[in-house]
Amino acid sequence: MKHFRELLAKIKRADEMFNLINDGDRIVIGISGGKDSIVLFEAMMTYKQYAKKEFTLLPVILNLGFERFDATTYLEHFHNRGYDLYVSDASNVAKILEIQKEKQNLLKLPCSICSKMKKAAINSVAKSLNANKVAFAHHIDDALETLVMNMISGGRFATFQPKMHLERANITFIRPLLLVDEDLVINVQQDLNLPLLEYTCPNNKKTRREDIKQLLNGMVLMKAPRRIFN
């Protein structure tokens, strides 16, 4: 449990540094089926027990309409953990992405459009559940990849924030894993034998983000910027 304790300590530190969680919060946890989100949920569930704060966790997974999507394993897992997993129908996303792919004559589905549509969908679910916050499972490696992508593509030295309020939607995004690196997430998922779902997106391992990840993994010195947050 050494890795899990380390993870919890970093979530606590992030909460204290960025004021992520408050009494009375209703927090949607965006579940994707991958290691990051299932680890985030497990950690938040445990953190709730000793954080001396009263907040509600609402795990939500989006059915984006890709073939072979099946949340059955997760429905059982979350039930066994004492939670109902909300499966939200967002199957129009896959259809719209295919249309845009053809319209723009692209080789792959447009990830930028998918990202915007997923955020809109999760916001809609959050509002229907009377949630005031949405927690995403982005970790520090994700932040570094986003930083490099923005520098290369837009000439901007910027990445996502640990906490961001959307005025129009009246929803606050939080990222409790922002001080955690991917290696620690992997260790916790393996230590606790947390289940994963099949990743059904046709772009799996074929994205610009994946290219940046491989670039950074090949540059040992790029690990140093993690100290920005630690």
C-alpha atoms as a PDB file:
ATOM      1  CA  MET A   1       0.000   0.000   0.000  1.00  0.00           C
ATOM      2  CA  LYS A   2       3.064   2.264  -0.093  1.00  0.00           C
ATOM      3  CA  HIS A   3       2.175   3.631  -3.516  1.00  0.00           C
ATOM      4  CA  PHE A   4      -1.444   4.276  -2.535  1.00  0.00           C
ATOM      5  CA  ARG A   5      -0.372   6.190   0.577  1.00  0.00           C
ATOM      6  CA  GLU A   6       1.968   8.300  -1.534  1.00  0.00           C
ATOM      7  CA  LEU A   7      -0.860   9.000  -3.977  1.00  0.00           C
ATOM      8  CA  LEU A   8      -3.213  10.062  -1.181  1.00  0.00           C
ATOM      9  CA  ALA A   9      -0.552  12.363   0.278  1.00  0.00           C
ATOM     10  CA  LYS A  10      -0.153  14.103  -3.087  1.00  0.00           C
ATOM     11  CA  ILE A  11      -3.910  14.513  -3.493  1.00  0.00           C
ATOM     12  CA  LYS A  12      -4.042  16.029  -0.006  1.00  0.00           C
ATOM     13  CA  ARG A  13      -1.232  18.402  -0.902  1.00  0.00           C
ATOM     14  CA  ALA A  14      -2.960  19.422  -4.143  1.00  0.00           C
ATOM     15  CA  ASP A  15      -6.196  20.001  -2.253  1.00  0.00           C
ATOM     16  CA  GLU A  16      -4.422  22.212   0.262  1.00  0.00           C
ATOM     17  CA  MET A  17      -2.443  24.135  -2.371  1.00  0.00           C
ATOM     18  CA  PHE A  18      -5.285  24.784  -4.797  1.00  0.00           C
ATOM     19  CA  ASN A  19      -8.395  24.546  -2.574  1.00  0.00           C
ATOM     20  CA  LEU A  20      -9.913  21.863  -4.777  1.00  0.00           C
ATOM     21  CA  ILE A  21     -12.534  20.355  -2.448  1.00  0.00           C
ATOM     22  CA  ASN A  22     -14.930  22.045  -0.057  1.00  0.00           C
ATOM     23  CA  ASP A  23     -17.698  21.022   2.316  1.00  0.00           C
ATOM     24  CA  GLY A  24     -20.951  20.382   0.483  1.00  0.00           C
ATOM     25  CA  ASP A  25     -19.346  19.725  -2.898  1.00  0.00           C
ATOM     26  CA  ARG A  26     -21.066  17.319  -5.265  1.00  0.00           C
ATOM     27  CA  ILE A  27     -18.234  16.107  -7.461  1.00  0.00           C
ATOM     28  CA  VAL A  28     -18.679  14.225 -10.715  1.00  0.00           C
ATOM     29  CA  ILE A  29     -15.721  11.918 -11.341  1.00  0.00           C
ATOM     30  CA  GLY A  30     -15.210  11.478 -15.063  1.00  0.00           C
ATOM     31  CA  ILE A  31     -14.613   7.765 -15.617  1.00  0.00           C
ATOM     32  CA  SER A  32     -13.067   6.748 -18.933  1.00  0.00           C
ATOM     33  CA  GLY A  33     -12.273   3.086 -18.343  1.00  0.00           C
ATOM     34  CA  GLY A  34      -8.537   3.737 -18.227  1.00  0.00           C
ATOM     35  CA  LYS A  35      -6.088   3.536 -15.337  1.00  0.00           C
ATOM     36  CA  ASP A  36      -6.073   7.237 -14.464  1.00  0.00           C
ATOM     37  CA  SER A  37      -9.779   7.689 -13.765  1.00  0.00           C
ATOM     38  CA  ILE A  38     -10.287   4.418 -11.872  1.00  0.00           C
ATOM     39  CA  VAL A  39      -7.285   5.270  -9.665  1.00  0.00           C
ATOM     40  CA  LEU A  40      -8.651   8.768  -9.126  1.00  0.00           C
ATOM     41  CA  PHE A  41     -12.011   7.406  -8.006  1.00  0.00           C
ATOM     42  CA  GLU A  42     -10.445   4.890  -5.616  1.00  0.00           C
ATOM     43  CA  ALA A  43      -8.235   7.594  -4.138  1.00  0.00           C
ATOM     44  CA  MET A  44     -11.046  10.138  -3.784  1.00  0.00           C
ATOM     45  CA  MET A  45     -13.246   7.542  -2.125  1.00  0.00           C
ATOM     46  CA  THR A  46     -10.519   6.892   0.452  1.00  0.00           C
ATOM     47  CA  TYR A  47      -9.588  10.565   0.792  1.00  0.00           C
ATOM     48  CA  LYS A  48     -13.204  11.307   1.695  1.00  0.00           C
ATOM     49  CA  GLN A  49     -12.877   9.113   4.783  1.00  0.00           C
ATOM     50  CA  TYR A  50     -10.178  11.221   6.449  1.00  0.00           C
ATOM     51  CA  ALA A  51     -10.291  14.647   4.756  1.00  0.00           C
ATOM     52  CA  LYS A  52     -12.587  16.112   7.435  1.00  0.00           C
ATOM     53  CA  LYS A  53     -14.788  17.454   4.658  1.00  0.00           C
ATOM     54  CA  GLU A  54     -18.289  16.404   3.676  1.00  0.00           C
ATOM     55  CA  PHE A  55     -18.571  15.924  -0.074  1.00  0.00           C
ATOM     56  CA  THR A  56     -20.372  13.586  -2.475  1.00  0.00           C
ATOM     57  CA  LEU A  57     -18.763  11.578  -5.281  1.00  0.00           C
ATOM     58  CA  LEU A  58     -20.730  10.870  -8.457  1.00  0.00           C
ATOM     59  CA  PRO A  59     -18.893   8.568 -10.900  1.00  0.00           C
ATOM     60  CA  VAL A  60     -19.986   9.106 -14.525  1.00  0.00           C
ATOM     61  CA  ILE A  61     -18.937   7.327 -17.713  1.00  0.00           C
ATOM     62  CA  LEU A  62     -19.912   8.548 -21.182  1.00  0.00           C
ATOM     63  CA  ASN A  63     -21.020   6.180 -23.911  1.00  0.00           C
ATOM     64  CA  LEU A  64     -19.522   8.053 -26.860  1.00  0.00           C
ATOM     65  CA  GLY A  65     -20.993   5.680 -29.412  1.00  0.00           C
ATOM     66  CA  PHE A  66     -17.833   3.820 -30.378  1.00  0.00           C
ATOM     67  CA  GLU A  67     -18.187   0.128 -31.173  1.00  0.00           C
ATOM     68  CA  ARG A  68     -17.622  -2.443 -28.395  1.00  0.00           C
ATOM     69  CA  PHE A  69     -18.356   0.001 -25.568  1.00  0.00           C
ATOM     70  CA  ASP A  70     -19.417  -2.120 -22.596  1.00  0.00           C
ATOM     71  CA  ALA A  71     -19.565  -0.779 -19.039  1.00  0.00           C
ATOM     72  CA  THR A  72     -20.879  -3.998 -17.476  1.00  0.00           C
ATOM     73  CA  THR A  73     -17.650  -4.740 -15.590  1.00  0.00           C
ATOM     74  CA  TYR A  74     -17.598  -1.248 -14.141  1.00  0.00           C
ATOM     75  CA  LEU A  75     -21.256  -1.252 -13.161  1.00  0.00           C
ATOM     76  CA  GLU A  76     -20.527  -4.279 -10.993  1.00  0.00           C
ATOM     77  CA  HIS A  77     -17.244  -2.869  -9.654  1.00  0.00           C
ATOM     78  CA  PHE A  78     -18.762   0.445  -8.579  1.00  0.00           C
ATOM     79  CA  HIS A  79     -21.797  -1.295  -7.078  1.00  0.00           C
ATOM     80  CA  ASN A  80     -19.456  -3.414  -4.989  1.00  0.00           C
ATOM     81  CA  ARG A  81     -17.743  -0.230  -3.812  1.00  0.00           C
ATOM     82  CA  GLY A  82     -21.111   1.190  -2.726  1.00  0.00           C
ATOM     83  CA  TYR A  83     -21.629   3.574  -5.643  1.00  0.00           C
ATOM     84  CA  ASP A  84     -23.897   3.761  -8.668  1.00  0.00           C
ATOM     85  CA  LEU A  85     -21.995   4.391 -11.894  1.00  0.00           C
ATOM     86  CA  TYR A  86     -23.964   6.770 -14.108  1.00  0.00           C
ATOM     87  CA  VAL A  87     -23.729   5.700 -17.770  1.00  0.00           C
ATOM     88  CA  SER A  88     -24.612   8.721 -19.883  1.00  0.00           C
ATOM     89  CA  ASP A  89     -25.641   8.369 -23.521  1.00  0.00           C
ATOM     90  CA  ALA A  90     -23.390  10.595 -25.627  1.00  0.00           C
ATOM     91  CA  SER A  91     -23.430   8.291 -28.654  1.00  0.00           C
ATOM     92  CA  ASN A  92     -23.909  11.257 -30.988  1.00  0.00           C
ATOM     93  CA  VAL A  93     -20.232  12.101 -30.429  1.00  0.00           C
ATOM     94  CA  ALA A  94     -18.956   9.218 -32.597  1.00  0.00           C
ATOM     95  CA  LYS A  95     -21.425  10.093 -35.353  1.00  0.00           C
ATOM     96  CA  ILE A  96     -20.434  13.768 -35.413  1.00  0.00           C
ATOM     97  CA  LEU A  97     -16.736  12.898 -35.392  1.00  0.00           C
ATOM     98  CA  GLU A  98     -17.192  10.624 -38.410  1.00  0.00           C
ATOM     99  CA  ILE A  99     -19.049  13.400 -40.242  1.00  0.00           C
ATOM    100  CA  GLN A 100     -16.277  15.891 -39.459  1.00  0.00           C
ATOM    101  CA  LYS A 101     -13.628  13.415 -40.533  1.00  0.00           C
ATOM    102  CA  GLU A 102     -15.240  13.074 -43.953  1.00  0.00           C
ATOM    103  CA  LYS A 103     -16.038  16.776 -44.231  1.00  0.00           C
ATOM    104  CA  GLN A 104     -12.477  17.857 -43.438  1.00  0.00           C
ATOM    105  CA  ASN A 105     -10.913  14.969 -45.371  1.00  0.00           C
ATOM    106  CA  LEU A 106      -8.982  13.794 -42.314  1.00  0.00           C
ATOM    107  CA  LEU A 107      -7.148  10.503 -41.831  1.00  0.00           C
ATOM    108  CA  LYS A 108      -8.285  10.240 -38.191  1.00  0.00           C
ATOM    109  CA  LEU A 109     -11.171  11.417 -36.065  1.00  0.00           C
ATOM    110  CA  PRO A 110     -10.637  15.044 -34.905  1.00  0.00           C
ATOM    111  CA  CYS A 111      -9.496  14.836 -31.263  1.00  0.00           C
ATOM    112  CA  SER A 112     -10.023  18.548 -30.580  1.00  0.00           C
ATOM    113  CA  ILE A 113     -13.723  18.325 -31.454  1.00  0.00           C
ATOM    114  CA  CYS A 114     -14.065  15.136 -29.402  1.00  0.00           C
ATOM    115  CA  SER A 115     -12.513  16.821 -26.365  1.00  0.00           C
ATOM    116  CA  LYS A 116     -14.922  19.762 -26.553  1.00  0.00           C
ATOM    117  CA  MET A 117     -17.935  17.497 -26.992  1.00  0.00           C
ATOM    118  CA  LYS A 118     -16.928  15.276 -24.070  1.00  0.00           C
ATOM    119  CA  LYS A 119     -16.575  18.282 -21.788  1.00  0.00           C
ATOM    120  CA  ALA A 120     -19.982  19.583 -22.876  1.00  0.00           C
ATOM    121  CA  ALA A 121     -21.515  16.149 -22.278  1.00  0.00           C
ATOM    122  CA  ILE A 122     -19.985  15.721 -18.819  1.00  0.00           C
ATOM    123  CA  ASN A 123     -21.088  19.250 -17.900  1.00  0.00           C
ATOM    124  CA  SER A 124     -24.639  18.393 -18.913  1.00  0.00           C
ATOM    125  CA  VAL A 125     -24.615  15.273 -16.748  1.00  0.00           C
ATOM    126  CA  ALA A 126     -23.128  17.235 -13.839  1.00  0.00           C
ATOM    127  CA  LYS A 127     -25.927  19.772 -14.023  1.00  0.00           C
ATOM    128  CA  SER A 128     -28.554  17.016 -14.111  1.00  0.00           C
ATOM    129  CA  LEU A 129     -27.013  15.532 -10.939  1.00  0.00           C
ATOM    130  CA  ASN A 130     -26.855  18.936  -9.226  1.00  0.00           C
ATOM    131  CA  ALA A 131     -23.069  18.683  -9.105  1.00  0.00           C
ATOM    132  CA  ASN A 132     -20.968  21.806  -8.740  1.00  0.00           C
ATOM    133  CA  LYS A 133     -17.616  20.261  -9.664  1.00  0.00           C
ATOM    134  CA  VAL A 134     -16.185  17.812 -12.189  1.00  0.00           C
ATOM    135  CA  ALA A 135     -12.940  16.002 -11.349  1.00  0.00           C
ATOM    136  CA  PHE A 136     -10.703  14.922 -14.215  1.00  0.00           C
ATOM    137  CA  ALA A 137      -7.864  12.423 -13.808  1.00  0.00           C
ATOM    138  CA  HIS A 138      -5.144  14.443 -15.524  1.00  0.00           C
ATOM    139  CA  HIS A 139      -1.736  13.959 -13.894  1.00  0.00           C
ATOM    140  CA  ILE A 140       1.508  15.877 -14.170  1.00  0.00           C
ATOM    141  CA  ASP A 141       2.677  13.963 -17.249  1.00  0.00           C
ATOM    142  CA  ASP A 142      -0.536  15.033 -18.993  1.00  0.00           C
ATOM    143  CA  ALA A 143       0.193  18.624 -17.980  1.00  0.00           C
ATOM    144  CA  LEU A 144       3.689  18.449 -19.478  1.00  0.00           C
ATOM    145  CA  GLU A 145       2.390  16.896 -22.699  1.00  0.00           C
ATOM    146  CA  THR A 146      -0.233  19.650 -23.003  1.00  0.00           C
ATOM    147  CA  LEU A 147       2.449  22.280 -22.365  1.00  0.00           C
ATOM    148  CA  VAL A 148       4.639  20.921 -25.177  1.00  0.00           C
ATOM    149  CA  MET A 149       1.668  20.534 -27.534  1.00  0.00           C
ATOM    150  CA  ASN A 150       0.685  24.165 -26.969  1.00  0.00           C
ATOM    151  CA  MET A 151       4.252  25.339 -27.507  1.00  0.00           C
ATOM    152  CA  ILE A 152       4.605  23.406 -30.762  1.00  0.00           C
ATOM    153  CA  SER A 153       1.144  23.994 -32.187  1.00  0.00           C
ATOM    154  CA  GLY A 154       0.244  27.450 -30.911  1.00  0.00           C
ATOM    155  CA  GLY A 155       3.418  29.040 -29.622  1.00  0.00           C
ATOM    156  CA  ARG A 156       1.848  29.295 -26.157  1.00  0.00           C
ATOM    157  CA  PHE A 157       3.563  28.481 -22.861  1.00  0.00           C
ATOM    158  CA  ALA A 158       0.417  27.145 -21.194  1.00  0.00           C
ATOM    159  CA  THR A 159      -1.142  24.010 -19.818  1.00  0.00           C
ATOM    160  CA  PHE A 160      -4.363  23.229 -17.955  1.00  0.00           C
ATOM    161  CA  GLN A 161      -5.021  24.527 -14.465  1.00  0.00           C
ATOM    162  CA  PRO A 162      -5.541  22.508 -11.255  1.00  0.00           C
ATOM    163  CA  LYS A 163      -8.850  24.353 -10.805  1.00  0.00           C
ATOM    164  CA  MET A 164     -10.935  26.272 -13.315  1.00  0.00           C
ATOM    165  CA  HIS A 165     -14.434  27.720 -12.986  1.00  0.00           C
ATOM    166  CA  LEU A 166     -16.657  27.895 -16.051  1.00  0.00           C
ATOM    167  CA  GLU A 167     -18.926  30.893 -15.563  1.00  0.00           C
ATOM    168  CA  ARG A 168     -21.447  30.035 -18.264  1.00  0.00           C
ATOM    169  CA  ALA A 169     -21.911  26.429 -17.100  1.00  0.00           C
ATOM    170  CA  ASN A 170     -21.379  27.340 -13.430  1.00  0.00           C
ATOM    171  CA  ILE A 171     -19.190  24.251 -13.056  1.00  0.00           C
ATOM    172  CA  THR A 172     -15.687  24.037 -11.597  1.00  0.00           C
ATOM    173  CA  PHE A 173     -13.156  21.631 -13.088  1.00  0.00           C
ATOM    174  CA  ILE A 174     -10.634  20.175 -10.630  1.00  0.00           C
ATOM    175  CA  ARG A 175      -7.635  17.933 -11.198  1.00  0.00           C
ATOM    176  CA  PRO A 176      -6.716  16.219  -7.909  1.00  0.00           C
ATOM    177  CA  LEU A 177      -3.932  14.141  -9.531  1.00  0.00           C
ATOM    178  CA  LEU A 178      -1.956  17.110 -10.842  1.00  0.00           C
ATOM    179  CA  LEU A 179       0.971  16.491  -8.456  1.00  0.00           C
ATOM    180  CA  VAL A 180       1.035  12.778  -9.327  1.00  0.00           C
ATOM    181  CA  ASP A 181       3.154  11.269 -12.097  1.00  0.00           C
ATOM    182  CA  GLU A 182       1.971   8.507 -14.396  1.00  0.00           C
ATOM    183  CA  ASP A 183       4.340   5.894 -12.973  1.00  0.00           C
ATOM    184  CA  LEU A 184       2.693   6.231  -9.565  1.00  0.00           C
ATOM    185  CA  VAL A 185      -0.776   5.881 -11.135  1.00  0.00           C
ATOM    186  CA  ILE A 186       0.350   2.685 -12.875  1.00  0.00           C
ATOM    187  CA  ASN A 187       1.762   1.273  -9.648  1.00  0.00           C
ATOM    188  CA  VAL A 188      -1.444   1.967  -7.723  1.00  0.00           C
ATOM    189  CA  GLN A 189      -3.646   0.445 -10.421  1.00  0.00           C
ATOM    190  CA  GLN A 190      -1.523  -2.690 -10.425  1.00  0.00           C
ATOM    191  CA  ASP A 191      -1.176  -2.879  -6.628  1.00  0.00           C
ATOM    192  CA  LEU A 192      -4.945  -2.673  -6.118  1.00  0.00           C
ATOM    193  CA  ASN A 193      -5.749  -4.733  -9.230  1.00  0.00           C
ATOM    194  CA  LEU A 194      -8.286  -2.133 -10.334  1.00  0.00           C
ATOM    195  CA  PRO A 195     -10.254  -3.181 -13.442  1.00  0.00           C
ATOM    196  CA  LEU A 196      -9.844  -1.486 -16.814  1.00  0.00           C
ATOM    197  CA  LEU A 197     -12.205  -1.319 -19.765  1.00  0.00           C
ATOM    198  CA  GLU A 198     -11.296  -1.856 -23.394  1.00  0.00           C
ATOM    199  CA  TYR A 199     -10.340   1.456 -25.005  1.00  0.00           C
ATOM    200  CA  THR A 200     -12.647   1.631 -28.012  1.00  0.00           C
ATOM    201  CA  CYS A 201     -11.645   4.946 -29.614  1.00  0.00           C
ATOM    202  CA  PRO A 202     -10.363   4.314 -33.183  1.00  0.00           C
ATOM    203  CA  ASN A 203      -7.595   6.860 -32.550  1.00  0.00           C
ATOM    204  CA  ASN A 204      -6.076   4.867 -29.697  1.00  0.00           C
ATOM    205  CA  LYS A 205      -2.263   5.269 -29.710  1.00  0.00           C
ATOM    206  CA  LYS A 206      -2.525   7.292 -32.959  1.00  0.00           C
ATOM    207  CA  THR A 207      -2.902  10.819 -31.613  1.00  0.00           C
ATOM    208  CA  ARG A 208      -0.720  13.911 -31.466  1.00  0.00           C
ATOM    209  CA  ARG A 209      -0.674  13.546 -27.688  1.00  0.00           C
ATOM    210  CA  GLU A 210       0.709  10.015 -28.023  1.00  0.00           C
ATOM    211  CA  ASP A 211       3.460  11.335 -30.299  1.00  0.00           C
ATOM    212  CA  ILE A 212       4.379  13.955 -27.684  1.00  0.00           C
ATOM    213  CA  LYS A 213       4.305  11.312 -24.935  1.00  0.00           C
ATOM    214  CA  GLN A 214       6.794   9.167 -26.843  1.00  0.00           C
ATOM    215  CA  LEU A 215       8.977  12.212 -27.483  1.00  0.00           C
ATOM    216  CA  LEU A 216       9.080  13.118 -23.796  1.00  0.00           C
ATOM    217  CA  ASN A 217       9.665   9.519 -22.730  1.00  0.00           C
ATOM    218  CA  GLY A 218      12.754   9.542 -24.928  1.00  0.00           C
ATOM    219  CA  MET A 219      14.099  12.693 -23.321  1.00  0.00           C
ATOM    220  CA  VAL A 220      15.169  11.894 -19.768  1.00  0.00           C
ATOM    221  CA  LEU A 221      15.915  15.523 -18.993  1.00  0.00           C
ATOM    222  CA  MET A 222      12.268  16.432 -19.601  1.00  0.00           C
ATOM    223  CA  LYS A 223      11.397  14.725 -16.313  1.00  0.00           C
ATOM    224  CA  ALA A 224      12.875  17.728 -14.503  1.00  0.00           C
ATOM    225  CA  PRO A 225       9.903  20.104 -15.078  1.00  0.00           C
ATOM    226  CA  ARG A 226       7.809  17.943 -12.747  1.00  0.00           C
ATOM    227  CA  ARG A 227       9.486  19.909  -9.956  1.00  0.00           C
ATOM    228  CA  ILE A 228       7.461  22.935 -11.035  1.00  0.00           C
ATOM    229  CA  PHE A 229       4.509  21.441  -9.151  1.00  0.00           C
ATOM    230  CA  ASN A 230       6.350  19.469  -6.459  1.00  0.00           C
END
